[in-house]
Protein backbone atom coordinates (compact mmCIF):
# COMPACT_ATOMS: atom_id res chain seq x y z
CA UNK A 1 -75.43 -97.10 -63.45
CA UNK A 2 -72.09 -95.71 -64.60
CA UNK A 3 -71.50 -91.95 -64.42
CA UNK A 4 -71.29 -91.77 -68.21
CA UNK A 5 -74.59 -93.62 -68.66
CA UNK A 6 -76.20 -91.25 -66.13
CA UNK A 7 -74.97 -88.18 -68.06
CA UNK A 8 -76.23 -89.66 -71.32
CA UNK A 9 -79.65 -90.54 -69.88
CA UNK A 10 -80.14 -87.03 -68.45
CA UNK A 11 -78.96 -85.35 -71.66
CA UNK A 12 -81.18 -87.56 -73.85
CA UNK A 13 -84.17 -86.70 -71.67
CA UNK A 14 -83.50 -82.95 -71.71
CA UNK A 15 -82.33 -82.64 -75.32
CA UNK A 16 -83.83 -85.52 -77.34
CA UNK A 17 -83.47 -83.50 -80.55
CA UNK A 18 -79.65 -83.52 -80.30
CA UNK A 19 -78.06 -86.98 -80.65
CA UNK A 20 -75.06 -87.69 -78.46
CA UNK A 21 -71.70 -88.74 -79.83
CA UNK A 22 -68.46 -89.55 -78.11
CA UNK A 23 -65.73 -87.65 -79.93
CA UNK A 24 -62.19 -88.41 -78.77
CA UNK A 25 -63.57 -89.70 -75.49
CA UNK A 26 -65.75 -86.61 -74.85
CA UNK A 27 -69.56 -86.70 -74.88
CA UNK A 28 -70.98 -84.13 -77.31
CA UNK A 29 -74.38 -83.21 -78.73
CA UNK A 30 -74.70 -83.16 -82.53
CA UNK A 31 -76.67 -80.11 -83.71
CA UNK A 32 -78.69 -80.05 -86.97
CA UNK A 33 -76.13 -77.77 -88.64
CA UNK A 34 -73.37 -80.36 -88.03
CA UNK A 35 -71.68 -78.56 -85.15
CA UNK A 36 -71.23 -80.25 -81.80
CA UNK A 37 -71.57 -78.96 -78.27
CA UNK A 38 -70.68 -80.34 -74.86
CA UNK A 39 -72.91 -82.59 -72.79
CA UNK A 40 -73.09 -81.07 -69.31
CA UNK A 41 -71.34 -82.90 -66.51
CA UNK A 42 -74.53 -83.22 -64.49
CA UNK A 43 -72.87 -85.34 -61.81
CA UNK A 44 -70.45 -82.55 -60.87
CA UNK A 45 -72.55 -79.48 -61.59
CA UNK A 46 -75.28 -78.40 -59.17
CA UNK A 47 -76.32 -75.61 -61.55
CA UNK A 48 -76.90 -78.11 -64.38
CA UNK A 49 -78.92 -80.33 -62.03
CA UNK A 50 -80.94 -77.31 -60.89
CA UNK A 51 -81.79 -76.61 -64.55
CA UNK A 52 -82.67 -80.27 -65.14
CA UNK A 53 -84.99 -80.39 -62.10
CA UNK A 54 -86.59 -77.16 -63.32
CA UNK A 55 -87.91 -79.02 -66.38
CA UNK A 56 -90.01 -81.35 -64.22
CA UNK A 57 -93.71 -80.88 -63.58
CA UNK A 58 -94.89 -80.20 -60.04
CA UNK A 59 -95.88 -83.82 -59.32
CA UNK A 60 -92.53 -85.00 -60.68
CA UNK A 61 -90.67 -82.58 -58.40
CA UNK A 62 -92.58 -84.01 -55.43
CA UNK A 63 -91.59 -87.50 -56.58
CA UNK A 64 -87.98 -86.34 -56.96
CA UNK A 65 -88.03 -85.02 -53.38
CA UNK A 66 -89.03 -88.44 -52.09
CA UNK A 67 -86.33 -90.17 -54.14
CA UNK A 68 -83.76 -87.64 -52.91
CA UNK A 69 -84.82 -88.21 -49.31
CA UNK A 70 -84.38 -91.99 -49.72
CA UNK A 71 -80.96 -91.54 -51.34
CA UNK A 72 -79.77 -89.17 -48.62
CA UNK A 73 -81.02 -91.43 -45.81
CA UNK A 74 -79.28 -94.40 -47.44
CA UNK A 75 -76.04 -92.36 -47.67
CA UNK A 76 -76.27 -91.33 -44.03
CA UNK A 77 -76.40 -95.00 -42.94
CA UNK A 78 -76.31 -94.13 -39.27
CA UNK A 79 -77.00 -96.53 -36.45
CA UNK A 80 -78.90 -93.92 -34.52
CA UNK A 81 -82.36 -92.40 -34.86
CA UNK A 82 -82.79 -89.88 -37.65
CA UNK A 83 -84.72 -86.70 -37.00
CA UNK A 84 -86.73 -84.89 -39.64
CA UNK A 85 -84.44 -81.85 -39.31
CA UNK A 86 -81.36 -83.99 -40.03
CA UNK A 87 -82.91 -85.43 -43.18
CA UNK A 88 -84.14 -82.03 -44.36
CA UNK A 89 -80.71 -80.47 -43.88
CA UNK A 90 -79.06 -83.35 -45.72
CA UNK A 91 -81.49 -83.07 -48.65
CA UNK A 92 -80.82 -79.35 -48.91
CA UNK A 93 -77.10 -80.15 -49.11
CA UNK A 94 -77.43 -83.12 -51.46
CA UNK A 95 -74.64 -83.53 -53.97
CA UNK A 96 -75.07 -83.32 -57.73
CA UNK A 97 -74.56 -87.09 -57.89
CA UNK A 98 -77.42 -87.65 -55.44
CA UNK A 99 -79.65 -85.21 -57.32
CA UNK A 100 -78.83 -86.89 -60.64
CA UNK A 101 -79.86 -90.29 -59.28
CA UNK A 102 -83.10 -88.84 -57.89
CA UNK A 103 -83.78 -87.14 -61.25
CA UNK A 104 -83.21 -90.36 -63.20
CA UNK A 105 -85.40 -92.35 -60.81
CA UNK A 106 -88.12 -89.73 -61.18
CA UNK A 107 -88.15 -89.89 -64.98
CA UNK A 108 -87.91 -93.70 -64.94
CA UNK A 109 -84.46 -93.93 -66.48
CA UNK A 110 -82.46 -95.18 -63.49
CA UNK A 111 -81.06 -98.64 -64.22
CA UNK A 112 -79.63 -100.78 -61.47
CA UNK A 113 -76.86 -102.78 -63.06
CA UNK A 114 -74.23 -105.30 -62.21
CA UNK A 115 -70.82 -103.63 -62.75
CA UNK A 116 -69.43 -106.72 -64.50
CA UNK A 117 -72.27 -106.97 -67.02
CA UNK A 118 -72.83 -103.22 -67.41
CA UNK A 119 -69.84 -102.95 -69.76
CA UNK A 120 -71.47 -105.46 -72.11
CA UNK A 121 -74.65 -103.42 -72.57
CA UNK A 122 -74.92 -101.32 -75.67
CA UNK A 123 -75.39 -97.57 -75.67
CA UNK A 124 -76.80 -95.27 -78.31
CA UNK A 125 -73.73 -93.05 -78.20
CA UNK A 126 -71.73 -93.18 -81.41
CA UNK A 127 -67.97 -93.06 -80.89
CA UNK A 128 -66.15 -91.10 -83.58
CA UNK A 129 -62.74 -89.54 -83.91
CA UNK A 130 -62.20 -85.81 -84.40
CA UNK A 131 -61.43 -86.44 -88.08
CA UNK A 132 -64.71 -88.30 -88.57
CA UNK A 133 -66.60 -85.54 -86.75
CA UNK A 134 -65.05 -82.85 -88.98
CA UNK A 135 -65.86 -84.84 -92.12
CA UNK A 136 -69.44 -85.35 -90.90
CA UNK A 137 -69.93 -81.61 -90.37
CA UNK A 138 -68.52 -80.83 -93.85
CA UNK A 139 -71.14 -83.06 -95.49
C-alpha cells in the first residue's frame, strides 16, 4: 500500500465527514464551508498516530497490539531466538509507519498490492488545482 493511500485510508476512517482532495499535489480535507485543511502525515507523525489509535475501542486496541507485534517481529528478521523483552521493547519503539500499518490492519483497510498494478487502481481523492479550489470555495 503506497504511503499516500495509507494516509488517505486513515484520514477517511477518522474524518469521513470531510472529503479529501489533492490540491497542487497536497492532500487536503474539504470542510463544509468550502475551506480546506491539511491531512496529517500519519506515517511521519507519532503524535497523529497516537490520536488515531486513541479512537479505537478496547478490543480494537488489543487487535492493534497483535498486528504491531507481528510487524515489528517481521522487521527484526533476525536469525536468532527472540525473547519477549526484545519484542516488547521493539513494539514500544515502533515507528509511525509501523503503527499506521497496524492501525489499517486493525480497521480492515490494509490492502496488500502489487506495486506495478497499484498505480492503475482508482482512488476517491479528487485532484484539483489551486485555482479550481478557490473557485469551489467561492461557490
